[in-house]
Amino acid sequence: MNYKETLDNIATRIEYIITNYEADLIPTEDYGWVNRRYRNDKFRLAHIERYSDKNLEVLHVTCFPNEKYQHPIFGFDIICTDKKPLAAFMDWSPVDNTLSYACEYDFEKPYPLPEWAKIIFSPMAVGIIPNENELDKLTDIVIHNFDMYMKILDGAKQNQYRTDYIIAAQNRYCDNQQKNERTYNVLKAKLGVDNAKYFMENILFPKIK
């Protein structure tokens, strides 16, 4: 199976959904691979990161609502070598625990979540090692999941009274994501220490200041 084409297909379809909501492209430095970041009046950051080389294929997607919206943070990641999928993760990470998504499909092989992820992911988070026969199903689930998430967020009303709570919850999520040593070490090897730290804190998981 051509994993590059599979991940490119998911990324293209996710971006199509994002741009249907009159989102503005956020200027982003060129790090040598695809980083497309968007914002509109409902979300402060929707990010598609697509890394590809001869040995590794990575797709990372997040969507952070603006601080007036107490909706969860959407996240999806899939990592493949040129020979097989290594892991995939998907979640609506809670801000106030009132909205969640449960995947009804039973994938064959679970992937244990790291300790930092258990702190911020929902109990329904998907962590799997997908086999080749499951990739098409995973693609359909991710696209449906993200489309539903964006429709709910687009129809949301502002919560004027919980802004401090929302900011604290989103920043807690970013703090814990920034503890992902595996991601940091890959970035450090590509970019060096300072740029890797900047990328983690400002491109991938920027806190609300």
N, C-alpha and C. Protein backbone atom coordinates (compact mmCIF):
# COMPACT_ATOMS: atom_id res chain seq x y z
N MET A 1 0.84 -1.20 0.00
CA MET A 1 0.00 0.00 0.00
C MET A 1 0.88 1.25 0.00
N ASN A 2 0.42 2.27 -0.68
CA ASN A 2 1.15 3.53 -0.75
C ASN A 2 0.69 4.43 0.39
N TYR A 3 1.46 4.47 1.47
CA TYR A 3 1.06 5.24 2.64
C TYR A 3 1.12 6.73 2.38
N LYS A 4 2.05 7.15 1.53
CA LYS A 4 2.12 8.57 1.20
C LYS A 4 0.80 9.05 0.60
N GLU A 5 0.26 8.30 -0.34
CA GLU A 5 -1.00 8.68 -0.98
C GLU A 5 -2.15 8.67 0.02
N THR A 6 -2.14 7.70 0.93
CA THR A 6 -3.20 7.63 1.93
C THR A 6 -3.20 8.86 2.83
N LEU A 7 -2.02 9.23 3.33
CA LEU A 7 -1.93 10.40 4.21
C LEU A 7 -2.18 11.70 3.45
N ASP A 8 -1.70 11.77 2.21
CA ASP A 8 -1.99 12.96 1.38
C ASP A 8 -3.49 13.11 1.17
N ASN A 9 -4.18 12.01 0.97
CA ASN A 9 -5.63 12.04 0.75
C ASN A 9 -6.35 12.56 1.99
N ILE A 10 -5.97 12.07 3.16
CA ILE A 10 -6.61 12.55 4.39
C ILE A 10 -6.33 14.03 4.58
N ALA A 11 -5.09 14.45 4.40
CA ALA A 11 -4.72 15.85 4.58
C ALA A 11 -5.50 16.76 3.65
N THR A 12 -5.63 16.36 2.39
CA THR A 12 -6.36 17.17 1.41
C THR A 12 -7.83 17.31 1.78
N ARG A 13 -8.42 16.23 2.23
CA ARG A 13 -9.85 16.27 2.60
C ARG A 13 -10.08 17.07 3.88
N ILE A 14 -9.16 16.96 4.82
CA ILE A 14 -9.26 17.77 6.04
C ILE A 14 -9.14 19.26 5.70
N GLU A 15 -8.18 19.61 4.85
CA GLU A 15 -8.01 21.01 4.48
C GLU A 15 -9.23 21.54 3.73
N TYR A 16 -9.83 20.72 2.92
CA TYR A 16 -11.05 21.14 2.21
C TYR A 16 -12.15 21.50 3.20
N ILE A 17 -12.31 20.69 4.24
CA ILE A 17 -13.32 20.97 5.26
C ILE A 17 -13.01 22.29 5.96
N ILE A 18 -11.76 22.48 6.34
CA ILE A 18 -11.37 23.71 7.05
C ILE A 18 -11.66 24.95 6.21
N THR A 19 -11.28 24.91 4.95
CA THR A 19 -11.42 26.10 4.10
C THR A 19 -12.88 26.38 3.74
N ASN A 20 -13.78 25.44 4.00
CA ASN A 20 -15.20 25.70 3.79
C ASN A 20 -15.78 26.64 4.83
N TYR A 21 -15.01 26.93 5.88
CA TYR A 21 -15.49 27.77 6.97
C TYR A 21 -14.83 29.15 6.96
N GLU A 22 -14.51 29.65 5.78
CA GLU A 22 -13.95 31.00 5.61
C GLU A 22 -12.78 31.24 6.56
N ALA A 23 -11.87 30.30 6.54
CA ALA A 23 -10.69 30.40 7.40
C ALA A 23 -9.57 31.13 6.69
N ASP A 24 -8.82 31.90 7.46
CA ASP A 24 -7.67 32.61 6.93
C ASP A 24 -6.41 31.79 7.16
N LEU A 25 -5.53 31.76 6.17
CA LEU A 25 -4.26 31.07 6.29
C LEU A 25 -3.32 31.88 7.16
N ILE A 26 -2.75 31.24 8.17
CA ILE A 26 -1.81 31.91 9.07
C ILE A 26 -0.41 31.82 8.47
N PRO A 27 0.29 32.96 8.30
CA PRO A 27 1.66 32.88 7.78
C PRO A 27 2.53 32.02 8.69
N THR A 28 3.25 31.08 8.09
CA THR A 28 4.06 30.12 8.84
C THR A 28 5.41 29.96 8.17
N GLU A 29 6.46 29.94 8.98
CA GLU A 29 7.80 29.76 8.45
C GLU A 29 7.91 28.43 7.70
N ASP A 30 8.84 28.38 6.74
CA ASP A 30 9.09 27.15 5.99
C ASP A 30 10.13 26.32 6.73
N TYR A 31 9.69 25.17 7.22
CA TYR A 31 10.60 24.28 7.95
C TYR A 31 11.07 23.10 7.11
N GLY A 32 10.67 23.08 5.85
CA GLY A 32 11.10 22.02 4.96
C GLY A 32 10.04 20.96 4.71
N TRP A 33 8.87 21.11 5.34
CA TRP A 33 7.75 20.22 5.08
C TRP A 33 6.46 21.01 5.25
N VAL A 34 5.34 20.40 4.92
CA VAL A 34 4.07 21.11 4.85
C VAL A 34 3.54 21.42 6.24
N ASN A 35 3.29 22.70 6.50
CA ASN A 35 2.59 23.15 7.70
C ASN A 35 1.58 24.21 7.26
N ARG A 36 0.31 23.81 7.19
CA ARG A 36 -0.74 24.76 6.83
C ARG A 36 -1.59 25.02 8.07
N ARG A 37 -1.66 26.30 8.43
CA ARG A 37 -2.37 26.69 9.65
C ARG A 37 -3.44 27.73 9.30
N TYR A 38 -4.61 27.55 9.89
CA TYR A 38 -5.76 28.41 9.59
C TYR A 38 -6.40 28.90 10.89
N ARG A 39 -7.17 29.99 10.76
CA ARG A 39 -7.98 30.48 11.87
C ARG A 39 -9.22 31.16 11.33
N ASN A 40 -10.26 31.19 12.15
CA ASN A 40 -11.44 32.00 11.85
C ASN A 40 -12.06 32.45 13.17
N ASP A 41 -13.31 32.88 13.14
CA ASP A 41 -13.88 33.44 14.37
C ASP A 41 -14.25 32.37 15.39
N LYS A 42 -14.21 31.09 15.01
CA LYS A 42 -14.55 30.01 15.94
C LYS A 42 -13.31 29.26 16.43
N PHE A 43 -12.29 29.15 15.62
CA PHE A 43 -11.09 28.44 16.07
C PHE A 43 -9.86 29.33 15.88
N ARG A 44 -8.97 29.24 16.86
CA ARG A 44 -7.75 30.05 16.84
C ARG A 44 -6.64 29.39 16.03
N LEU A 45 -6.73 28.07 15.88
CA LEU A 45 -5.72 27.36 15.10
C LEU A 45 -6.27 26.02 14.63
N ALA A 46 -6.25 25.82 13.31
CA ALA A 46 -6.45 24.50 12.72
C ALA A 46 -5.19 24.21 11.91
N HIS A 47 -4.48 23.17 12.28
CA HIS A 47 -3.14 22.93 11.76
C HIS A 47 -3.08 21.57 11.07
N ILE A 48 -2.57 21.58 9.85
CA ILE A 48 -2.26 20.34 9.12
C ILE A 48 -0.76 20.30 8.91
N GLU A 49 -0.12 19.35 9.54
CA GLU A 49 1.31 19.12 9.36
C GLU A 49 1.48 17.82 8.59
N ARG A 50 2.19 17.91 7.47
CA ARG A 50 2.38 16.72 6.62
C ARG A 50 3.87 16.56 6.33
N TYR A 51 4.47 15.59 7.00
CA TYR A 51 5.90 15.32 6.82
C TYR A 51 6.06 14.06 5.99
N SER A 52 6.99 14.11 5.04
CA SER A 52 7.20 12.95 4.16
C SER A 52 8.67 12.88 3.75
N ASP A 53 9.25 11.70 3.93
CA ASP A 53 10.56 11.43 3.33
C ASP A 53 10.58 9.97 2.91
N LYS A 54 11.74 9.46 2.52
CA LYS A 54 11.77 8.10 1.96
C LYS A 54 11.51 7.03 3.00
N ASN A 55 11.62 7.37 4.30
CA ASN A 55 11.45 6.39 5.36
C ASN A 55 10.24 6.61 6.26
N LEU A 56 9.70 7.83 6.25
CA LEU A 56 8.68 8.17 7.23
C LEU A 56 7.58 9.03 6.61
N GLU A 57 6.34 8.71 6.97
CA GLU A 57 5.17 9.49 6.57
C GLU A 57 4.40 9.87 7.83
N VAL A 58 4.17 11.17 8.03
CA VAL A 58 3.49 11.64 9.23
C VAL A 58 2.41 12.64 8.84
N LEU A 59 1.24 12.50 9.45
CA LEU A 59 0.18 13.49 9.33
C LEU A 59 -0.28 13.86 10.74
N HIS A 60 -0.25 15.15 11.02
CA HIS A 60 -0.68 15.67 12.32
C HIS A 60 -1.74 16.74 12.08
N VAL A 61 -2.88 16.60 12.74
CA VAL A 61 -3.98 17.56 12.60
C VAL A 61 -4.47 17.95 13.98
N THR A 62 -4.60 19.25 14.22
CA THR A 62 -5.23 19.73 15.45
C THR A 62 -6.18 20.87 15.12
N CYS A 63 -7.16 21.06 15.98
CA CYS A 63 -8.01 22.25 15.90
C CYS A 63 -8.29 22.73 17.32
N PHE A 64 -7.88 23.97 17.59
CA PHE A 64 -8.09 24.60 18.90
C PHE A 64 -9.19 25.65 18.77
N PRO A 65 -10.31 25.48 19.45
CA PRO A 65 -11.34 26.53 19.44
C PRO A 65 -10.81 27.83 20.05
N ASN A 66 -11.43 28.94 19.68
CA ASN A 66 -11.13 30.20 20.35
C ASN A 66 -11.55 30.12 21.81
N GLU A 67 -10.99 31.01 22.63
CA GLU A 67 -11.19 30.91 24.07
C GLU A 67 -12.62 31.19 24.53
N LYS A 68 -13.48 31.67 23.65
CA LYS A 68 -14.87 31.90 24.00
C LYS A 68 -15.73 30.64 23.81
N TYR A 69 -15.11 29.57 23.29
CA TYR A 69 -15.86 28.36 22.99
C TYR A 69 -15.29 27.20 23.80
N GLN A 70 -16.15 26.57 24.60
CA GLN A 70 -15.67 25.56 25.54
C GLN A 70 -15.66 24.16 24.93
N HIS A 71 -15.48 24.09 23.63
CA HIS A 71 -15.51 22.82 22.92
C HIS A 71 -14.16 22.11 23.04
N PRO A 72 -14.15 20.81 22.84
CA PRO A 72 -12.89 20.06 22.96
C PRO A 72 -11.90 20.42 21.87
N ILE A 73 -10.68 19.98 22.05
CA ILE A 73 -9.61 20.16 21.07
C ILE A 73 -9.56 18.91 20.21
N PHE A 74 -9.62 19.10 18.91
CA PHE A 74 -9.55 17.96 18.00
C PHE A 74 -8.09 17.61 17.73
N GLY A 75 -7.79 16.33 17.75
CA GLY A 75 -6.44 15.89 17.40
C GLY A 75 -6.44 14.58 16.65
N PHE A 76 -5.61 14.50 15.63
CA PHE A 76 -5.41 13.25 14.89
C PHE A 76 -3.96 13.17 14.44
N ASP A 77 -3.35 12.02 14.66
CA ASP A 77 -1.98 11.77 14.21
C ASP A 77 -1.90 10.36 13.64
N ILE A 78 -1.14 10.23 12.56
CA ILE A 78 -0.82 8.90 12.04
C ILE A 78 0.63 8.91 11.56
N ILE A 79 1.34 7.85 11.92
CA ILE A 79 2.75 7.72 11.58
C ILE A 79 2.96 6.38 10.89
N CYS A 80 3.63 6.41 9.74
CA CYS A 80 3.93 5.20 8.99
C CYS A 80 5.40 5.20 8.57
N THR A 81 6.00 4.03 8.48
CA THR A 81 7.27 3.91 7.77
C THR A 81 6.94 3.63 6.31
N ASP A 82 7.97 3.37 5.51
CA ASP A 82 7.70 3.02 4.12
C ASP A 82 7.17 1.60 4.00
N LYS A 83 7.15 0.86 5.12
CA LYS A 83 6.73 -0.54 5.08
C LYS A 83 5.43 -0.83 5.82
N LYS A 84 5.11 -0.03 6.85
CA LYS A 84 3.93 -0.35 7.65
C LYS A 84 3.49 0.84 8.49
N PRO A 85 2.22 0.88 8.89
CA PRO A 85 1.77 1.89 9.85
C PRO A 85 2.34 1.58 11.23
N LEU A 86 2.75 2.64 11.94
CA LEU A 86 3.29 2.46 13.28
C LEU A 86 2.26 2.77 14.36
N ALA A 87 1.48 3.83 14.18
CA ALA A 87 0.50 4.22 15.19
C ALA A 87 -0.44 5.28 14.62
N ALA A 88 -1.62 5.35 15.21
CA ALA A 88 -2.58 6.41 14.89
C ALA A 88 -3.34 6.77 16.16
N PHE A 89 -3.63 8.06 16.31
CA PHE A 89 -4.32 8.56 17.49
C PHE A 89 -5.39 9.56 17.05
N MET A 90 -6.53 9.52 17.72
CA MET A 90 -7.60 10.48 17.42
C MET A 90 -8.38 10.76 18.70
N ASP A 91 -8.70 12.04 18.91
CA ASP A 91 -9.42 12.37 20.14
C ASP A 91 -10.09 13.73 20.02
N TRP A 92 -11.17 13.88 20.77
CA TRP A 92 -11.72 15.19 21.10
C TRP A 92 -11.31 15.41 22.55
N SER A 93 -10.20 16.06 22.76
CA SER A 93 -9.65 16.20 24.11
C SER A 93 -10.46 17.22 24.89
N PRO A 94 -10.92 16.87 26.07
CA PRO A 94 -11.94 17.67 26.76
C PRO A 94 -11.41 18.99 27.31
N VAL A 95 -12.27 19.99 27.25
CA VAL A 95 -12.06 21.25 27.94
C VAL A 95 -12.99 21.34 29.14
N ASP A 96 -14.26 20.95 28.94
CA ASP A 96 -15.21 20.98 30.06
C ASP A 96 -16.02 19.69 30.20
N ASN A 97 -15.67 18.66 29.42
CA ASN A 97 -16.28 17.33 29.54
C ASN A 97 -17.75 17.24 29.14
N THR A 98 -18.26 18.25 28.43
CA THR A 98 -19.67 18.19 28.04
C THR A 98 -19.87 17.67 26.63
N LEU A 99 -18.82 17.55 25.85
CA LEU A 99 -18.94 17.11 24.47
C LEU A 99 -17.82 16.13 24.16
N SER A 100 -18.20 14.97 23.62
CA SER A 100 -17.19 13.95 23.34
C SER A 100 -17.59 13.15 22.11
N TYR A 101 -16.67 12.34 21.64
CA TYR A 101 -16.91 11.49 20.49
C TYR A 101 -16.37 10.10 20.80
N ALA A 102 -17.16 9.08 20.53
CA ALA A 102 -16.73 7.70 20.74
C ALA A 102 -16.71 6.98 19.40
N CYS A 103 -15.56 6.42 19.04
CA CYS A 103 -15.43 5.66 17.81
C CYS A 103 -16.08 4.30 18.00
N GLU A 104 -17.01 3.95 17.14
CA GLU A 104 -17.74 2.69 17.29
C GLU A 104 -17.05 1.52 16.60
N TYR A 105 -16.05 1.81 15.79
CA TYR A 105 -15.35 0.72 15.10
C TYR A 105 -14.28 0.13 16.02
N ASP A 106 -14.21 -1.18 16.03
CA ASP A 106 -13.27 -1.88 16.92
C ASP A 106 -12.02 -2.27 16.12
N PHE A 107 -10.98 -1.44 16.22
CA PHE A 107 -9.72 -1.76 15.55
C PHE A 107 -9.04 -2.93 16.25
N GLU A 108 -8.26 -3.69 15.48
CA GLU A 108 -7.71 -4.93 15.99
C GLU A 108 -6.63 -4.74 17.05
N LYS A 109 -5.74 -3.76 16.84
CA LYS A 109 -4.57 -3.69 17.71
C LYS A 109 -4.47 -2.32 18.38
N PRO A 110 -4.71 -2.25 19.69
CA PRO A 110 -4.58 -0.96 20.39
C PRO A 110 -3.13 -0.56 20.56
N TYR A 111 -2.92 0.74 20.74
CA TYR A 111 -1.60 1.29 21.04
C TYR A 111 -1.69 1.99 22.38
N PRO A 112 -0.86 1.61 23.34
CA PRO A 112 -0.96 2.23 24.68
C PRO A 112 -0.59 3.70 24.64
N LEU A 113 -1.39 4.51 25.30
CA LEU A 113 -1.13 5.95 25.34
C LEU A 113 0.02 6.24 26.30
N PRO A 114 0.89 7.19 25.96
CA PRO A 114 1.94 7.61 26.91
C PRO A 114 1.31 8.31 28.11
N GLU A 115 2.06 8.42 29.18
CA GLU A 115 1.52 8.97 30.42
C GLU A 115 1.05 10.41 30.26
N TRP A 116 1.80 11.23 29.51
CA TRP A 116 1.39 12.62 29.35
C TRP A 116 0.05 12.72 28.62
N ALA A 117 -0.20 11.77 27.69
CA ALA A 117 -1.45 11.79 26.93
C ALA A 117 -2.64 11.40 27.80
N LYS A 118 -2.42 10.50 28.74
CA LYS A 118 -3.52 10.07 29.62
C LYS A 118 -4.05 11.23 30.46
N ILE A 119 -3.21 12.23 30.69
CA ILE A 119 -3.62 13.38 31.49
C ILE A 119 -4.61 14.26 30.74
N ILE A 120 -4.47 14.35 29.43
CA ILE A 120 -5.25 15.33 28.66
C ILE A 120 -6.23 14.72 27.67
N PHE A 121 -6.03 13.46 27.26
CA PHE A 121 -6.94 12.83 26.31
C PHE A 121 -8.22 12.39 27.01
N SER A 122 -9.27 12.23 26.22
CA SER A 122 -10.54 11.77 26.77
C SER A 122 -10.49 10.25 26.98
N PRO A 123 -11.42 9.70 27.77
CA PRO A 123 -11.49 8.25 27.93
C PRO A 123 -11.81 7.52 26.62
N MET A 124 -12.36 8.25 25.64
CA MET A 124 -12.71 7.64 24.36
C MET A 124 -11.62 7.79 23.31
N ALA A 125 -10.46 8.27 23.70
CA ALA A 125 -9.38 8.48 22.73
C ALA A 125 -9.03 7.18 22.01
N VAL A 126 -8.77 7.30 20.71
CA VAL A 126 -8.36 6.16 19.89
C VAL A 126 -6.84 6.14 19.82
N GLY A 127 -6.25 5.04 20.22
CA GLY A 127 -4.82 4.80 20.06
C GLY A 127 -4.65 3.41 19.48
N ILE A 128 -4.16 3.30 18.25
CA ILE A 128 -4.15 2.01 17.56
C ILE A 128 -2.89 1.86 16.71
N ILE A 129 -2.61 0.63 16.34
CA ILE A 129 -1.66 0.32 15.27
C ILE A 129 -2.50 -0.24 14.14
N PRO A 130 -2.88 0.57 13.17
CA PRO A 130 -3.78 0.08 12.12
C PRO A 130 -3.07 -0.85 11.17
N ASN A 131 -3.76 -1.91 10.76
CA ASN A 131 -3.18 -2.75 9.71
C ASN A 131 -3.62 -2.23 8.35
N GLU A 132 -3.07 -2.78 7.30
CA GLU A 132 -3.35 -2.27 5.95
C GLU A 132 -4.83 -2.34 5.61
N ASN A 133 -5.50 -3.37 6.10
CA ASN A 133 -6.93 -3.53 5.80
C ASN A 133 -7.79 -2.51 6.53
N GLU A 134 -7.24 -1.86 7.55
CA GLU A 134 -8.01 -0.90 8.33
C GLU A 134 -7.80 0.55 7.91
N LEU A 135 -6.86 0.80 7.02
CA LEU A 135 -6.53 2.19 6.70
C LEU A 135 -7.67 2.92 5.98
N ASP A 136 -8.35 2.24 5.08
CA ASP A 136 -9.48 2.88 4.41
C ASP A 136 -10.59 3.20 5.41
N LYS A 137 -10.84 2.28 6.32
CA LYS A 137 -11.85 2.52 7.35
C LYS A 137 -11.43 3.68 8.25
N LEU A 138 -10.16 3.70 8.64
CA LEU A 138 -9.65 4.78 9.47
C LEU A 138 -9.81 6.12 8.76
N THR A 139 -9.49 6.16 7.48
CA THR A 139 -9.65 7.38 6.70
C THR A 139 -11.08 7.89 6.75
N ASP A 140 -12.03 7.01 6.52
CA ASP A 140 -13.45 7.41 6.54
C ASP A 140 -13.86 7.92 7.91
N ILE A 141 -13.40 7.24 8.96
CA ILE A 141 -13.76 7.64 10.32
C ILE A 141 -13.19 9.02 10.66
N VAL A 142 -11.93 9.25 10.30
CA VAL A 142 -11.29 10.54 10.59
C VAL A 142 -12.00 11.68 9.87
N ILE A 143 -12.29 11.49 8.60
CA ILE A 143 -12.95 12.55 7.83
C ILE A 143 -14.33 12.83 8.39
N HIS A 144 -15.09 11.79 8.67
CA HIS A 144 -16.43 11.96 9.25
C HIS A 144 -16.34 12.64 10.61
N ASN A 145 -15.39 12.20 11.42
CA ASN A 145 -15.19 12.74 12.76
C ASN A 145 -14.88 14.24 12.71
N PHE A 146 -13.93 14.61 11.83
CA PHE A 146 -13.53 16.02 11.75
C PHE A 146 -14.65 16.88 11.18
N ASP A 147 -15.35 16.37 10.18
CA ASP A 147 -16.46 17.12 9.59
C ASP A 147 -17.54 17.38 10.64
N MET A 148 -17.86 16.38 11.42
CA MET A 148 -18.86 16.55 12.48
C MET A 148 -18.37 17.55 13.53
N TYR A 149 -17.11 17.44 13.90
CA TYR A 149 -16.54 18.36 14.88
C TYR A 149 -16.65 19.81 14.39
N MET A 150 -16.29 20.06 13.15
CA MET A 150 -16.31 21.42 12.62
C MET A 150 -17.73 21.96 12.51
N LYS A 151 -18.68 21.11 12.16
CA LYS A 151 -20.07 21.55 12.07
C LYS A 151 -20.59 21.96 13.44
N ILE A 152 -20.24 21.17 14.47
CA ILE A 152 -20.66 21.50 15.84
C ILE A 152 -20.03 22.81 16.29
N LEU A 153 -18.73 22.95 16.04
CA LEU A 153 -18.05 24.18 16.44
C LEU A 153 -18.58 25.39 15.69
N ASP A 154 -18.88 25.23 14.41
CA ASP A 154 -19.39 26.35 13.61
C ASP A 154 -20.74 26.83 14.12
N GLY A 155 -21.52 25.92 14.68
CA GLY A 155 -22.84 26.30 15.19
C GLY A 155 -22.84 26.69 16.66
N ALA A 156 -21.66 26.78 17.27
CA ALA A 156 -21.56 27.01 18.71
C ALA A 156 -21.83 28.48 19.06
N LYS A 157 -22.26 28.66 20.29
CA LYS A 157 -22.43 30.00 20.85
C LYS A 157 -21.31 30.27 21.85
N GLN A 158 -20.94 31.52 21.95
CA GLN A 158 -19.87 31.89 22.88
C GLN A 158 -20.29 31.68 24.32
N ASN A 159 -19.32 31.34 25.15
CA ASN A 159 -19.54 31.27 26.58
C ASN A 159 -18.75 32.41 27.22
N GLN A 160 -19.46 33.43 27.63
CA GLN A 160 -18.80 34.65 28.13
C GLN A 160 -18.26 34.50 29.55
N TYR A 161 -18.66 33.44 30.25
CA TYR A 161 -18.38 33.37 31.69
C TYR A 161 -17.30 32.35 32.06
N ARG A 162 -16.77 31.62 31.08
CA ARG A 162 -15.82 30.56 31.39
C ARG A 162 -14.50 30.74 30.64
N THR A 163 -14.21 31.95 30.20
CA THR A 163 -13.02 32.17 29.39
C THR A 163 -11.74 31.76 30.13
N ASP A 164 -11.61 32.14 31.40
CA ASP A 164 -10.41 31.79 32.15
C ASP A 164 -10.26 30.27 32.26
N TYR A 165 -11.37 29.58 32.48
CA TYR A 165 -11.35 28.13 32.59
C TYR A 165 -10.92 27.50 31.26
N ILE A 166 -11.46 28.00 30.16
CA ILE A 166 -11.13 27.47 28.83
C ILE A 166 -9.66 27.69 28.52
N ILE A 167 -9.16 28.89 28.80
CA ILE A 167 -7.75 29.18 28.56
C ILE A 167 -6.86 28.24 29.37
N ALA A 168 -7.19 28.04 30.64
CA ALA A 168 -6.39 27.16 31.48
C ALA A 168 -6.40 25.73 30.95
N ALA A 169 -7.55 25.26 30.49
CA ALA A 169 -7.66 23.89 29.98
C ALA A 169 -6.87 23.72 28.68
N GLN A 170 -6.98 24.69 27.78
CA GLN A 170 -6.22 24.60 26.52
C GLN A 170 -4.72 24.68 26.79
N ASN A 171 -4.31 25.55 27.70
CA ASN A 171 -2.88 25.68 27.99
C ASN A 171 -2.34 24.42 28.68
N ARG A 172 -3.17 23.78 29.49
CA ARG A 172 -2.78 22.52 30.11
C ARG A 172 -2.55 21.45 29.03
N TYR A 173 -3.42 21.43 28.04
CA TYR A 173 -3.25 20.51 26.92
C TYR A 173 -1.93 20.77 26.20
N CYS A 174 -1.66 22.04 25.91
CA CYS A 174 -0.42 22.39 25.20
C CYS A 174 0.81 22.06 26.04
N ASP A 175 0.75 22.35 27.34
CA ASP A 175 1.87 22.03 28.22
C ASP A 175 2.22 20.55 28.15
N ASN A 176 1.22 19.70 28.21
CA ASN A 176 1.47 18.26 28.21
C ASN A 176 1.90 17.75 26.84
N GLN A 177 1.35 18.30 25.77
CA GLN A 177 1.80 17.91 24.44
C GLN A 177 3.26 18.28 24.22
N GLN A 178 3.66 19.40 24.79
CA GLN A 178 5.05 19.83 24.65
C GLN A 178 6.03 18.91 25.39
N LYS A 179 5.51 18.03 26.23
CA LYS A 179 6.34 17.05 26.94
C LYS A 179 6.59 15.78 26.12
N ASN A 180 6.07 15.75 24.91
CA ASN A 180 6.23 14.56 24.06
C ASN A 180 7.68 14.49 23.57
N GLU A 181 8.47 13.70 24.26
CA GLU A 181 9.91 13.62 23.96
C GLU A 181 10.17 13.03 22.58
N ARG A 182 9.31 12.12 22.15
CA ARG A 182 9.52 11.50 20.84
C ARG A 182 9.42 12.54 19.73
N THR A 183 8.38 13.36 19.77
CA THR A 183 8.23 14.41 18.77
C THR A 183 9.38 15.41 18.86
N TYR A 184 9.70 15.82 20.09
CA TYR A 184 10.77 16.79 20.27
C TYR A 184 12.11 16.28 19.74
N ASN A 185 12.42 15.03 20.00
CA ASN A 185 13.71 14.48 19.55
C ASN A 185 13.80 14.39 18.03
N VAL A 186 12.68 14.07 17.38
CA VAL A 186 12.67 14.05 15.91
C VAL A 186 12.90 15.46 15.38
N LEU A 187 12.21 16.43 15.97
CA LEU A 187 12.37 17.82 15.54
C LEU A 187 13.79 18.32 15.81
N LYS A 188 14.35 17.96 16.96
CA LYS A 188 15.70 18.39 17.30
C LYS A 188 16.71 17.88 16.29
N ALA A 189 16.52 16.63 15.84
CA ALA A 189 17.44 16.07 14.85
C ALA A 189 17.33 16.79 13.51
N LYS A 190 16.12 17.29 13.20
CA LYS A 190 15.90 17.98 11.92
C LYS A 190 16.26 19.47 11.99
N LEU A 191 15.95 20.11 13.13
CA LEU A 191 15.98 21.56 13.20
C LEU A 191 17.00 22.14 14.17
N GLY A 192 17.51 21.31 15.08
CA GLY A 192 18.35 21.82 16.15
C GLY A 192 17.52 22.14 17.38
N VAL A 193 18.18 22.36 18.50
CA VAL A 193 17.50 22.51 19.78
C VAL A 193 16.57 23.71 19.81
N ASP A 194 17.07 24.88 19.45
CA ASP A 194 16.28 26.11 19.58
C ASP A 194 15.06 26.09 18.66
N ASN A 195 15.25 25.69 17.41
CA ASN A 195 14.13 25.67 16.46
C ASN A 195 13.12 24.58 16.81
N ALA A 196 13.60 23.47 17.34
CA ALA A 196 12.69 22.40 17.76
C ALA A 196 11.79 22.87 18.90
N LYS A 197 12.39 23.56 19.85
CA LYS A 197 11.62 24.09 20.98
C LYS A 197 10.61 25.13 20.49
N TYR A 198 11.05 26.00 19.59
CA TYR A 198 10.15 27.01 19.05
C TYR A 198 8.98 26.35 18.30
N PHE A 199 9.30 25.34 17.51
CA PHE A 199 8.27 24.65 16.72
C PHE A 199 7.24 24.00 17.64
N MET A 200 7.70 23.33 18.68
CA MET A 200 6.79 22.69 19.63
C MET A 200 5.88 23.70 20.30
N GLU A 201 6.45 24.84 20.70
CA GLU A 201 5.72 25.79 21.54
C GLU A 201 4.92 26.83 20.77
N ASN A 202 5.28 27.06 19.51
CA ASN A 202 4.64 28.13 18.75
C ASN A 202 3.92 27.69 17.49
N ILE A 203 4.35 26.58 16.90
CA ILE A 203 3.72 26.09 15.68
C ILE A 203 2.74 24.96 15.98
N LEU A 204 3.20 23.97 16.74
CA LEU A 204 2.36 22.81 17.04
C LEU A 204 1.34 23.09 18.14
N PHE A 205 1.82 23.56 19.29
CA PHE A 205 0.96 23.66 20.46
C PHE A 205 1.10 25.02 21.15
N PRO A 206 0.67 26.08 20.46
CA PRO A 206 0.80 27.42 21.05
C PRO A 206 -0.24 27.64 22.15
N LYS A 207 0.22 28.11 23.28
CA LYS A 207 -0.68 28.41 24.38
C LYS A 207 -1.36 29.77 24.15
N ILE A 208 -2.47 29.99 24.83
CA ILE A 208 -3.15 31.27 24.80
C ILE A 208 -2.48 32.17 25.82
N LYS A 209 -1.99 33.31 25.38
CA LYS A 209 -1.22 34.19 26.27
C LYS A 209 -2.08 35.34 26.76
